[in-house]
Amino acid sequence: MTLNLFEHELAALIGRPTDLRPFVCEGSPLTCDIFLVGFNPATTMQADFWEFWRPGYGYDKAAWFQRYVEERAAKPLKPGKTRRLPISPTRRNMECFVEGAVGARVLETNIYAAASEDMKSLDLASREIAPFRFLLDVIRPKVIVVHGKPAVEAIRRFDTPAKVIAADHHFSRKTSKETARTHGAMAAQQSRGTAA
């Protein structure tokens, strides 16, 4: 599949504009051998997914990340909170995973593409798996690393030849930066067909 056809088919599936965030990566998603999969995006954003899509290039993660930091900083604090980290612990560990996967391309995605503050607040109407299934069918990753028990349970519904690795914990809790990097390195080795 060409990048232009991918863009056309994804837009037909999720709409344009859209409030969904089906994935984040740098450049073409079609060349990503590793999927890093969670349950759903935890940070809602005003920015449209397509604002960061570059025809002929793919996704501009650097521009998306800058907007993510800006929007996160501009959000009001929850009652009782006095500060907010520039990036969430989950996002920090996802970045460490990508750093650890040296030489491999990683697509950060979720079972569900709709964002919500937590899993419980993701209403049933937003629990649509078609975007994830599309990515899985079109890109055909070699390795899928899944974090969080609900995502691990959900991935079992998909028939995929990819090597599926369940992380010990969700990337927001009980996962150090070093552990996330180690998971990334292991996934990169698996994607090249070498033992971890």
N, C-alpha and C. Protein backbone atom coordinates (compact mmCIF):
# COMPACT_ATOMS: atom_id res chain seq x y z
N MET A 1 0.84 -1.18 0.00
CA MET A 1 0.00 0.00 0.00
C MET A 1 0.89 1.24 0.00
N THR A 2 0.49 2.24 -0.74
CA THR A 2 1.23 3.49 -0.76
C THR A 2 0.80 4.36 0.43
N LEU A 3 1.61 5.34 0.75
CA LEU A 3 1.28 6.25 1.84
C LEU A 3 0.04 7.06 1.51
N ASN A 4 -0.11 7.46 0.24
CA ASN A 4 -1.29 8.22 -0.17
C ASN A 4 -2.57 7.40 -0.02
N LEU A 5 -2.52 6.13 -0.40
CA LEU A 5 -3.69 5.27 -0.25
C LEU A 5 -3.99 5.03 1.23
N PHE A 6 -2.95 4.84 2.03
CA PHE A 6 -3.12 4.68 3.47
C PHE A 6 -3.85 5.90 4.04
N GLU A 7 -3.39 7.09 3.68
CA GLU A 7 -4.01 8.33 4.15
C GLU A 7 -5.48 8.37 3.76
N HIS A 8 -5.77 8.06 2.51
CA HIS A 8 -7.15 8.09 2.00
C HIS A 8 -8.04 7.10 2.76
N GLU A 9 -7.57 5.88 2.95
CA GLU A 9 -8.38 4.86 3.63
C GLU A 9 -8.55 5.16 5.11
N LEU A 10 -7.50 5.68 5.75
CA LEU A 10 -7.62 6.04 7.17
C LEU A 10 -8.60 7.20 7.34
N ALA A 11 -8.52 8.20 6.46
CA ALA A 11 -9.45 9.33 6.54
C ALA A 11 -10.90 8.87 6.34
N ALA A 12 -11.12 7.93 5.44
CA ALA A 12 -12.47 7.40 5.23
C ALA A 12 -12.97 6.68 6.48
N LEU A 13 -12.07 6.09 7.22
CA LEU A 13 -12.42 5.33 8.42
C LEU A 13 -12.65 6.21 9.64
N ILE A 14 -11.78 7.19 9.88
CA ILE A 14 -11.86 7.98 11.12
C ILE A 14 -12.42 9.39 10.92
N GLY A 15 -12.55 9.82 9.65
CA GLY A 15 -13.03 11.16 9.39
C GLY A 15 -11.90 12.17 9.31
N ARG A 16 -12.25 13.32 8.74
CA ARG A 16 -11.26 14.38 8.59
C ARG A 16 -12.01 15.70 8.56
N PRO A 17 -11.97 16.49 9.60
CA PRO A 17 -11.16 16.36 10.82
C PRO A 17 -11.69 15.25 11.74
N THR A 18 -10.90 14.97 12.76
CA THR A 18 -11.28 13.94 13.72
C THR A 18 -10.74 14.28 15.10
N ASP A 19 -11.45 13.81 16.12
CA ASP A 19 -10.93 13.94 17.48
C ASP A 19 -10.28 12.64 17.94
N LEU A 20 -10.23 11.65 17.04
CA LEU A 20 -9.55 10.40 17.35
C LEU A 20 -8.04 10.55 17.18
N ARG A 21 -7.29 9.74 17.90
CA ARG A 21 -5.83 9.69 17.73
C ARG A 21 -5.46 8.23 17.53
N PRO A 22 -5.50 7.77 16.27
CA PRO A 22 -5.26 6.35 16.02
C PRO A 22 -3.82 5.91 16.24
N PHE A 23 -2.87 6.82 16.09
CA PHE A 23 -1.47 6.46 16.31
C PHE A 23 -0.62 7.71 16.36
N VAL A 24 0.61 7.52 16.80
CA VAL A 24 1.66 8.54 16.75
C VAL A 24 2.93 7.81 16.32
N CYS A 25 3.64 8.38 15.37
CA CYS A 25 4.96 7.87 14.97
C CYS A 25 5.67 9.00 14.24
N GLU A 26 6.92 8.82 13.95
CA GLU A 26 7.64 9.80 13.14
C GLU A 26 7.77 9.24 11.74
N GLY A 27 7.18 9.95 10.77
CA GLY A 27 7.27 9.52 9.38
C GLY A 27 6.18 8.54 9.00
N SER A 28 6.51 7.66 8.08
CA SER A 28 5.52 6.73 7.55
C SER A 28 5.18 5.63 8.55
N PRO A 29 3.90 5.45 8.83
CA PRO A 29 3.51 4.33 9.69
C PRO A 29 3.73 2.99 9.00
N LEU A 30 3.78 3.00 7.68
CA LEU A 30 3.89 1.75 6.92
C LEU A 30 5.21 1.04 7.12
N THR A 31 6.22 1.75 7.62
CA THR A 31 7.54 1.14 7.82
C THR A 31 7.81 0.80 9.29
N CYS A 32 6.78 0.83 10.11
CA CYS A 32 6.94 0.51 11.54
C CYS A 32 6.80 -0.99 11.75
N ASP A 33 7.85 -1.60 12.28
CA ASP A 33 7.84 -3.04 12.57
C ASP A 33 7.33 -3.36 13.97
N ILE A 34 7.26 -2.34 14.82
CA ILE A 34 6.86 -2.54 16.22
C ILE A 34 5.64 -1.67 16.52
N PHE A 35 4.64 -2.27 17.15
CA PHE A 35 3.52 -1.52 17.70
C PHE A 35 3.68 -1.50 19.21
N LEU A 36 3.53 -0.33 19.82
CA LEU A 36 3.44 -0.18 21.27
C LEU A 36 1.98 0.14 21.55
N VAL A 37 1.28 -0.76 22.23
CA VAL A 37 -0.18 -0.69 22.32
C VAL A 37 -0.66 -0.52 23.76
N GLY A 38 -1.51 0.48 23.95
CA GLY A 38 -2.20 0.67 25.21
C GLY A 38 -3.70 0.50 25.00
N PHE A 39 -4.49 0.89 25.98
CA PHE A 39 -5.94 0.73 25.89
C PHE A 39 -6.56 1.86 25.08
N ASN A 40 -6.27 3.12 25.47
CA ASN A 40 -6.73 4.29 24.72
C ASN A 40 -5.89 5.49 25.13
N PRO A 41 -5.83 6.53 24.27
CA PRO A 41 -5.05 7.72 24.64
C PRO A 41 -5.64 8.34 25.91
N ALA A 42 -4.78 8.73 26.83
CA ALA A 42 -5.25 9.28 28.10
C ALA A 42 -5.32 10.80 28.10
N THR A 43 -4.66 11.43 27.16
CA THR A 43 -4.64 12.89 27.11
C THR A 43 -5.51 13.38 25.96
N THR A 44 -6.59 14.08 26.32
CA THR A 44 -7.42 14.67 25.28
C THR A 44 -6.71 15.90 24.74
N MET A 45 -6.89 16.15 23.45
CA MET A 45 -6.25 17.30 22.82
C MET A 45 -7.26 18.04 21.94
N GLN A 46 -7.08 19.34 21.84
CA GLN A 46 -7.90 20.14 20.93
C GLN A 46 -7.43 19.95 19.49
N ALA A 47 -6.15 19.69 19.33
CA ALA A 47 -5.56 19.55 18.00
C ALA A 47 -6.13 18.32 17.30
N ASP A 48 -6.34 18.46 16.01
CA ASP A 48 -6.82 17.38 15.16
C ASP A 48 -5.64 16.51 14.73
N PHE A 49 -5.84 15.20 14.73
CA PHE A 49 -4.82 14.25 14.28
C PHE A 49 -4.21 14.67 12.94
N TRP A 50 -5.05 15.12 12.02
CA TRP A 50 -4.59 15.42 10.66
C TRP A 50 -3.74 16.68 10.57
N GLU A 51 -3.73 17.51 11.61
CA GLU A 51 -2.85 18.69 11.61
C GLU A 51 -1.38 18.28 11.52
N PHE A 52 -1.08 17.06 11.92
CA PHE A 52 0.31 16.60 11.99
C PHE A 52 0.64 15.59 10.89
N TRP A 53 -0.28 15.39 9.98
CA TRP A 53 -0.05 14.49 8.85
C TRP A 53 0.57 15.29 7.71
N ARG A 54 1.66 14.78 7.15
CA ARG A 54 2.35 15.44 6.04
C ARG A 54 2.29 14.52 4.82
N PRO A 55 1.54 14.91 3.76
CA PRO A 55 1.47 14.08 2.56
C PRO A 55 2.87 13.74 2.05
N GLY A 56 3.06 12.49 1.70
CA GLY A 56 4.35 12.03 1.19
C GLY A 56 5.38 11.75 2.28
N TYR A 57 5.10 12.12 3.51
CA TYR A 57 6.02 11.90 4.63
C TYR A 57 5.40 10.99 5.70
N GLY A 58 4.20 11.31 6.10
CA GLY A 58 3.55 10.58 7.18
C GLY A 58 3.28 11.49 8.36
N TYR A 59 3.47 10.97 9.56
CA TYR A 59 3.11 11.70 10.77
C TYR A 59 4.31 12.48 11.30
N ASP A 60 4.05 13.73 11.66
CA ASP A 60 5.09 14.61 12.20
C ASP A 60 5.00 14.56 13.73
N LYS A 61 5.65 13.56 14.31
CA LYS A 61 5.57 13.36 15.75
C LYS A 61 6.17 14.54 16.51
N ALA A 62 7.24 15.11 16.00
CA ALA A 62 7.88 16.23 16.70
C ALA A 62 6.91 17.40 16.85
N ALA A 63 6.16 17.72 15.79
CA ALA A 63 5.18 18.80 15.86
C ALA A 63 4.03 18.42 16.79
N TRP A 64 3.59 17.16 16.70
CA TRP A 64 2.53 16.69 17.59
C TRP A 64 2.98 16.78 19.05
N PHE A 65 4.21 16.35 19.34
CA PHE A 65 4.70 16.34 20.71
C PHE A 65 4.76 17.77 21.27
N GLN A 66 5.19 18.72 20.46
CA GLN A 66 5.24 20.11 20.91
C GLN A 66 3.83 20.59 21.28
N ARG A 67 2.84 20.27 20.45
CA ARG A 67 1.47 20.66 20.73
C ARG A 67 0.94 19.94 21.97
N TYR A 68 1.28 18.68 22.12
CA TYR A 68 0.88 17.90 23.30
C TYR A 68 1.36 18.61 24.57
N VAL A 69 2.63 19.01 24.60
CA VAL A 69 3.19 19.69 25.77
C VAL A 69 2.48 21.02 26.02
N GLU A 70 2.24 21.78 24.94
CA GLU A 70 1.57 23.08 25.07
C GLU A 70 0.15 22.91 25.61
N GLU A 71 -0.60 21.98 25.04
CA GLU A 71 -1.99 21.79 25.48
C GLU A 71 -2.04 21.26 26.91
N ARG A 72 -1.13 20.38 27.24
CA ARG A 72 -1.10 19.83 28.60
C ARG A 72 -0.82 20.94 29.62
N ALA A 73 0.11 21.83 29.30
CA ALA A 73 0.46 22.93 30.21
C ALA A 73 -0.70 23.91 30.37
N ALA A 74 -1.51 24.07 29.33
CA ALA A 74 -2.60 25.04 29.36
C ALA A 74 -3.85 24.54 30.09
N LYS A 75 -3.94 23.25 30.34
CA LYS A 75 -5.14 22.70 30.99
C LYS A 75 -5.18 23.11 32.45
N PRO A 76 -6.37 23.41 32.96
CA PRO A 76 -6.48 23.73 34.39
C PRO A 76 -6.15 22.50 35.24
N LEU A 77 -5.59 22.76 36.40
CA LEU A 77 -5.27 21.67 37.32
C LEU A 77 -6.54 21.10 37.93
N LYS A 78 -6.49 19.83 38.26
CA LYS A 78 -7.61 19.20 38.96
C LYS A 78 -7.66 19.74 40.38
N PRO A 79 -8.84 19.73 41.00
CA PRO A 79 -8.95 20.21 42.39
C PRO A 79 -7.96 19.49 43.30
N GLY A 80 -7.26 20.27 44.12
CA GLY A 80 -6.30 19.71 45.07
C GLY A 80 -4.90 19.56 44.51
N LYS A 81 -4.72 19.75 43.21
CA LYS A 81 -3.40 19.63 42.58
C LYS A 81 -2.74 21.01 42.50
N THR A 82 -1.43 21.04 42.72
CA THR A 82 -0.71 22.31 42.67
C THR A 82 0.24 22.40 41.48
N ARG A 83 0.48 21.27 40.81
CA ARG A 83 1.37 21.29 39.65
C ARG A 83 1.07 20.10 38.75
N ARG A 84 1.61 20.17 37.54
CA ARG A 84 1.45 19.09 36.57
C ARG A 84 2.80 18.88 35.90
N LEU A 85 3.18 17.64 35.73
CA LEU A 85 4.40 17.32 35.00
C LEU A 85 4.25 17.74 33.54
N PRO A 86 5.33 18.17 32.89
CA PRO A 86 5.23 18.58 31.48
C PRO A 86 4.70 17.46 30.57
N ILE A 87 5.09 16.22 30.86
CA ILE A 87 4.54 15.07 30.14
C ILE A 87 4.11 14.03 31.17
N SER A 88 3.14 13.24 30.81
CA SER A 88 2.62 12.23 31.75
C SER A 88 3.64 11.11 31.95
N PRO A 89 3.55 10.38 33.05
CA PRO A 89 4.44 9.23 33.25
C PRO A 89 4.32 8.21 32.11
N THR A 90 3.11 8.01 31.60
CA THR A 90 2.93 7.08 30.48
C THR A 90 3.68 7.57 29.25
N ARG A 91 3.50 8.84 28.91
CA ARG A 91 4.18 9.41 27.74
C ARG A 91 5.70 9.34 27.93
N ARG A 92 6.18 9.65 29.14
CA ARG A 92 7.62 9.57 29.42
C ARG A 92 8.14 8.18 29.12
N ASN A 93 7.43 7.17 29.59
CA ASN A 93 7.89 5.79 29.38
C ASN A 93 7.74 5.34 27.93
N MET A 94 6.74 5.86 27.24
CA MET A 94 6.62 5.55 25.81
C MET A 94 7.82 6.12 25.05
N GLU A 95 8.22 7.33 25.40
CA GLU A 95 9.39 7.94 24.76
C GLU A 95 10.64 7.12 25.07
N CYS A 96 10.77 6.63 26.29
CA CYS A 96 11.92 5.79 26.66
C CYS A 96 11.89 4.47 25.88
N PHE A 97 10.71 3.90 25.69
CA PHE A 97 10.58 2.68 24.89
C PHE A 97 11.11 2.92 23.48
N VAL A 98 10.68 4.02 22.86
CA VAL A 98 11.12 4.34 21.50
C VAL A 98 12.63 4.55 21.47
N GLU A 99 13.18 5.23 22.47
CA GLU A 99 14.64 5.40 22.56
C GLU A 99 15.35 4.06 22.64
N GLY A 100 14.79 3.14 23.40
CA GLY A 100 15.40 1.82 23.57
C GLY A 100 15.34 0.96 22.32
N ALA A 101 14.39 1.23 21.46
CA ALA A 101 14.19 0.43 20.24
C ALA A 101 15.09 0.93 19.11
N VAL A 102 16.35 1.14 19.41
CA VAL A 102 17.31 1.69 18.45
C VAL A 102 17.32 0.84 17.18
N GLY A 103 17.22 1.51 16.05
CA GLY A 103 17.29 0.82 14.76
C GLY A 103 15.97 0.24 14.30
N ALA A 104 14.92 0.38 15.11
CA ALA A 104 13.59 -0.12 14.73
C ALA A 104 12.61 1.05 14.73
N ARG A 105 11.56 0.92 13.95
CA ARG A 105 10.54 1.98 13.89
C ARG A 105 9.32 1.54 14.69
N VAL A 106 8.85 2.46 15.54
CA VAL A 106 7.77 2.16 16.47
C VAL A 106 6.54 3.00 16.16
N LEU A 107 5.40 2.35 16.13
CA LEU A 107 4.12 3.02 16.01
C LEU A 107 3.42 2.91 17.36
N GLU A 108 3.13 4.06 17.97
CA GLU A 108 2.44 4.10 19.26
C GLU A 108 0.95 4.15 18.96
N THR A 109 0.22 3.17 19.44
CA THR A 109 -1.21 3.09 19.14
C THR A 109 -1.96 2.53 20.33
N ASN A 110 -3.25 2.42 20.18
CA ASN A 110 -4.12 1.93 21.25
C ASN A 110 -5.22 1.06 20.66
N ILE A 111 -5.79 0.21 21.48
CA ILE A 111 -6.93 -0.60 21.05
C ILE A 111 -8.06 0.33 20.60
N TYR A 112 -8.31 1.38 21.37
CA TYR A 112 -9.34 2.37 21.04
C TYR A 112 -8.66 3.71 20.80
N ALA A 113 -9.08 4.42 19.74
CA ALA A 113 -8.42 5.67 19.35
C ALA A 113 -9.01 6.91 20.00
N ALA A 114 -10.11 6.77 20.73
CA ALA A 114 -10.71 7.92 21.41
C ALA A 114 -10.01 8.15 22.74
N ALA A 115 -9.71 9.41 23.02
CA ALA A 115 -9.01 9.76 24.27
C ALA A 115 -10.01 9.94 25.41
N SER A 116 -9.56 9.60 26.61
CA SER A 116 -10.34 9.85 27.83
C SER A 116 -9.36 9.89 29.00
N GLU A 117 -9.76 10.59 30.06
CA GLU A 117 -8.87 10.72 31.21
C GLU A 117 -8.53 9.39 31.84
N ASP A 118 -9.48 8.48 31.82
CA ASP A 118 -9.24 7.14 32.34
C ASP A 118 -10.13 6.15 31.59
N MET A 119 -9.86 4.89 31.78
CA MET A 119 -10.57 3.85 31.05
C MET A 119 -12.07 3.87 31.35
N LYS A 120 -12.43 4.13 32.59
CA LYS A 120 -13.84 4.12 32.98
C LYS A 120 -14.64 5.19 32.27
N SER A 121 -14.01 6.32 31.95
CA SER A 121 -14.75 7.41 31.31
C SER A 121 -14.81 7.29 29.79
N LEU A 122 -14.26 6.22 29.24
CA LEU A 122 -14.38 5.96 27.79
C LEU A 122 -15.71 5.27 27.56
N ASP A 123 -16.69 6.04 27.05
CA ASP A 123 -18.03 5.47 26.89
C ASP A 123 -18.05 4.36 25.84
N LEU A 124 -19.06 3.53 25.92
CA LEU A 124 -19.15 2.37 25.04
C LEU A 124 -19.18 2.76 23.57
N ALA A 125 -19.81 3.88 23.23
CA ALA A 125 -19.88 4.32 21.84
C ALA A 125 -18.49 4.66 21.29
N SER A 126 -17.57 5.00 22.16
CA SER A 126 -16.20 5.35 21.74
C SER A 126 -15.28 4.14 21.67
N ARG A 127 -15.77 3.00 22.03
CA ARG A 127 -14.94 1.78 22.04
C ARG A 127 -15.02 1.07 20.69
N GLU A 128 -14.49 1.73 19.69
CA GLU A 128 -14.50 1.24 18.32
C GLU A 128 -13.11 0.73 17.97
N ILE A 129 -13.02 -0.54 17.56
CA ILE A 129 -11.72 -1.14 17.28
C ILE A 129 -11.31 -1.04 15.81
N ALA A 130 -12.18 -0.52 14.95
CA ALA A 130 -11.88 -0.50 13.51
C ALA A 130 -10.56 0.21 13.19
N PRO A 131 -10.24 1.37 13.79
CA PRO A 131 -8.95 1.99 13.46
C PRO A 131 -7.76 1.09 13.81
N PHE A 132 -7.80 0.44 14.97
CA PHE A 132 -6.69 -0.44 15.35
C PHE A 132 -6.61 -1.64 14.41
N ARG A 133 -7.74 -2.22 14.10
CA ARG A 133 -7.76 -3.37 13.18
C ARG A 133 -7.18 -2.97 11.82
N PHE A 134 -7.54 -1.78 11.33
CA PHE A 134 -7.01 -1.28 10.07
C PHE A 134 -5.48 -1.21 10.12
N LEU A 135 -4.95 -0.60 11.18
CA LEU A 135 -3.49 -0.48 11.32
C LEU A 135 -2.83 -1.85 11.36
N LEU A 136 -3.40 -2.75 12.11
CA LEU A 136 -2.86 -4.10 12.25
C LEU A 136 -2.86 -4.83 10.90
N ASP A 137 -3.96 -4.73 10.17
CA ASP A 137 -4.08 -5.43 8.89
C ASP A 137 -3.19 -4.83 7.81
N VAL A 138 -3.07 -3.52 7.78
CA VAL A 138 -2.31 -2.86 6.72
C VAL A 138 -0.81 -2.87 6.99
N ILE A 139 -0.40 -2.56 8.22
CA ILE A 139 1.03 -2.43 8.53
C ILE A 139 1.67 -3.79 8.82
N ARG A 140 0.92 -4.70 9.44
CA ARG A 140 1.42 -6.03 9.79
C ARG A 140 2.75 -5.97 10.54
N PRO A 141 2.71 -5.47 11.77
CA PRO A 141 3.95 -5.37 12.55
C PRO A 141 4.53 -6.74 12.84
N LYS A 142 5.83 -6.75 13.09
CA LYS A 142 6.49 -8.00 13.47
C LYS A 142 6.35 -8.27 14.96
N VAL A 143 6.33 -7.17 15.74
CA VAL A 143 6.27 -7.27 17.20
C VAL A 143 5.23 -6.30 17.73
N ILE A 144 4.45 -6.76 18.70
CA ILE A 144 3.48 -5.91 19.39
C ILE A 144 3.78 -5.98 20.87
N VAL A 145 4.09 -4.85 21.48
CA VAL A 145 4.29 -4.77 22.93
C VAL A 145 3.05 -4.10 23.50
N VAL A 146 2.39 -4.79 24.41
CA VAL A 146 1.13 -4.32 24.97
C VAL A 146 1.34 -3.99 26.44
N HIS A 147 0.86 -2.81 26.87
CA HIS A 147 0.99 -2.45 28.28
C HIS A 147 -0.38 -2.14 28.87
N GLY A 148 -0.59 -2.67 30.07
CA GLY A 148 -1.86 -2.50 30.77
C GLY A 148 -2.74 -3.73 30.59
N LYS A 149 -3.26 -4.24 31.69
CA LYS A 149 -4.04 -5.48 31.67
C LYS A 149 -5.23 -5.43 30.70
N PRO A 150 -6.02 -4.34 30.67
CA PRO A 150 -7.14 -4.31 29.72
C PRO A 150 -6.68 -4.39 28.26
N ALA A 151 -5.57 -3.77 27.93
CA ALA A 151 -5.05 -3.84 26.56
C ALA A 151 -4.54 -5.24 26.26
N VAL A 152 -3.89 -5.87 27.23
CA VAL A 152 -3.40 -7.24 27.05
C VAL A 152 -4.58 -8.18 26.79
N GLU A 153 -5.66 -8.00 27.57
CA GLU A 153 -6.85 -8.84 27.37
C GLU A 153 -7.48 -8.58 26.00
N ALA A 154 -7.53 -7.32 25.59
CA ALA A 154 -8.15 -6.96 24.31
C ALA A 154 -7.36 -7.48 23.11
N ILE A 155 -6.04 -7.48 23.19
CA ILE A 155 -5.22 -7.89 22.04
C ILE A 155 -5.45 -9.36 21.71
N ARG A 156 -5.90 -10.12 22.67
CA ARG A 156 -6.15 -11.56 22.44
C ARG A 156 -7.28 -11.79 21.42
N ARG A 157 -8.11 -10.77 21.19
CA ARG A 157 -9.21 -10.91 20.23
C ARG A 157 -8.74 -10.79 18.78
N PHE A 158 -7.49 -10.40 18.59
CA PHE A 158 -6.98 -10.18 17.25
C PHE A 158 -6.10 -11.34 16.81
N ASP A 159 -6.34 -11.80 15.60
CA ASP A 159 -5.52 -12.86 15.03
C ASP A 159 -4.37 -12.18 14.29
N THR A 160 -3.19 -12.31 14.82
CA THR A 160 -2.03 -11.66 14.21
C THR A 160 -0.82 -12.59 14.26
N PRO A 161 -0.03 -12.60 13.19
CA PRO A 161 1.19 -13.40 13.22
C PRO A 161 2.33 -12.73 14.00
N ALA A 162 2.10 -11.49 14.43
CA ALA A 162 3.14 -10.75 15.15
C ALA A 162 3.46 -11.43 16.48
N LYS A 163 4.68 -11.24 16.92
CA LYS A 163 5.10 -11.68 18.26
C LYS A 163 4.48 -10.69 19.25
N VAL A 164 3.62 -11.17 20.14
CA VAL A 164 2.96 -10.30 21.11
C VAL A 164 3.66 -10.45 22.45
N ILE A 165 4.09 -9.32 23.00
CA ILE A 165 4.79 -9.29 24.29
C ILE A 165 3.97 -8.43 25.25
N ALA A 166 3.58 -8.99 26.37
CA ALA A 166 2.85 -8.25 27.39
C ALA A 166 3.85 -7.65 28.37
N ALA A 167 3.84 -6.32 28.50
CA ALA A 167 4.69 -5.66 29.49
C ALA A 167 4.18 -6.04 30.88
N ASP A 168 5.08 -6.03 31.85
CA ASP A 168 4.72 -6.42 33.21
C ASP A 168 3.62 -5.55 33.81
N HIS A 169 3.63 -4.25 33.46
CA HIS A 169 2.69 -3.29 34.03
C HIS A 169 2.32 -2.27 32.97
N HIS A 170 1.25 -1.52 33.27
CA HIS A 170 0.92 -0.36 32.44
C HIS A 170 2.10 0.60 32.52
N PHE A 171 2.38 1.32 31.44
CA PHE A 171 3.54 2.20 31.41
C PHE A 171 3.41 3.41 32.33
N SER A 172 2.24 3.64 32.92
CA SER A 172 2.12 4.78 33.84
C SER A 172 2.51 4.42 35.26
N ARG A 173 2.45 3.15 35.58
CA ARG A 173 2.68 2.73 36.96
C ARG A 173 3.70 1.60 37.01
N LYS A 174 4.51 1.61 38.02
CA LYS A 174 5.45 0.52 38.29
C LYS A 174 6.39 0.22 37.12
N THR A 175 6.58 1.19 36.25
CA THR A 175 7.50 1.01 35.13
C THR A 175 8.51 2.15 35.17
N SER A 176 9.78 1.80 35.31
CA SER A 176 10.82 2.82 35.32
C SER A 176 11.20 3.17 33.88
N LYS A 177 11.92 4.27 33.74
CA LYS A 177 12.41 4.66 32.41
C LYS A 177 13.32 3.57 31.86
N GLU A 178 14.15 3.01 32.72
CA GLU A 178 15.09 1.97 32.28
C GLU A 178 14.34 0.71 31.84
N THR A 179 13.29 0.35 32.56
CA THR A 179 12.49 -0.82 32.17
C THR A 179 11.84 -0.58 30.81
N ALA A 180 11.32 0.62 30.60
CA ALA A 180 10.71 0.95 29.31
C ALA A 180 11.74 0.86 28.18
N ARG A 181 12.96 1.37 28.43
CA ARG A 181 14.02 1.27 27.41
C ARG A 181 14.37 -0.20 27.13
N THR A 182 14.41 -1.00 28.18
CA THR A 182 14.70 -2.43 28.02
C THR A 182 13.62 -3.11 27.18
N HIS A 183 12.36 -2.78 27.44
CA HIS A 183 11.27 -3.33 26.61
C HIS A 183 11.46 -2.92 25.15
N GLY A 184 11.86 -1.67 24.92
CA GLY A 184 12.09 -1.20 23.55
C GLY A 184 13.22 -1.95 22.87
N ALA A 185 14.32 -2.16 23.61
CA ALA A 185 15.46 -2.89 23.05
C ALA A 185 15.08 -4.33 22.74
N MET A 186 14.32 -4.96 23.63
CA MET A 186 13.88 -6.33 23.41
C MET A 186 12.98 -6.42 22.18
N ALA A 187 12.07 -5.47 22.03
CA ALA A 187 11.18 -5.47 20.87
C ALA A 187 11.97 -5.28 19.58
N ALA A 188 12.97 -4.40 19.61
CA ALA A 188 13.80 -4.18 18.42
C ALA A 188 14.54 -5.46 18.04
N GLN A 189 15.09 -6.15 19.03
CA GLN A 189 15.78 -7.42 18.76
C GLN A 189 14.81 -8.44 18.17
N GLN A 190 13.63 -8.53 18.75
CA GLN A 190 12.62 -9.47 18.24
C GLN A 190 12.22 -9.12 16.81
N SER A 191 12.12 -7.83 16.50
CA SER A 191 11.71 -7.42 15.15
C SER A 191 12.76 -7.78 14.11
N ARG A 192 14.01 -7.87 14.56
CA ARG A 192 15.10 -8.26 13.64
C ARG A 192 15.29 -9.78 13.62
N GLY A 193 14.54 -10.47 14.46
CA GLY A 193 14.63 -11.93 14.50
C GLY A 193 15.79 -12.45 15.31
N THR A 194 16.33 -11.58 16.20
CA THR A 194 17.43 -12.02 17.07
C THR A 194 16.89 -12.20 18.48
N ALA A 195 17.48 -13.09 19.22
CA ALA A 195 17.02 -13.37 20.59
C ALA A 195 17.25 -12.17 21.49
N ALA A 196 16.33 -11.97 22.41
CA ALA A 196 16.46 -10.87 23.36
C ALA A 196 17.35 -11.26 24.51
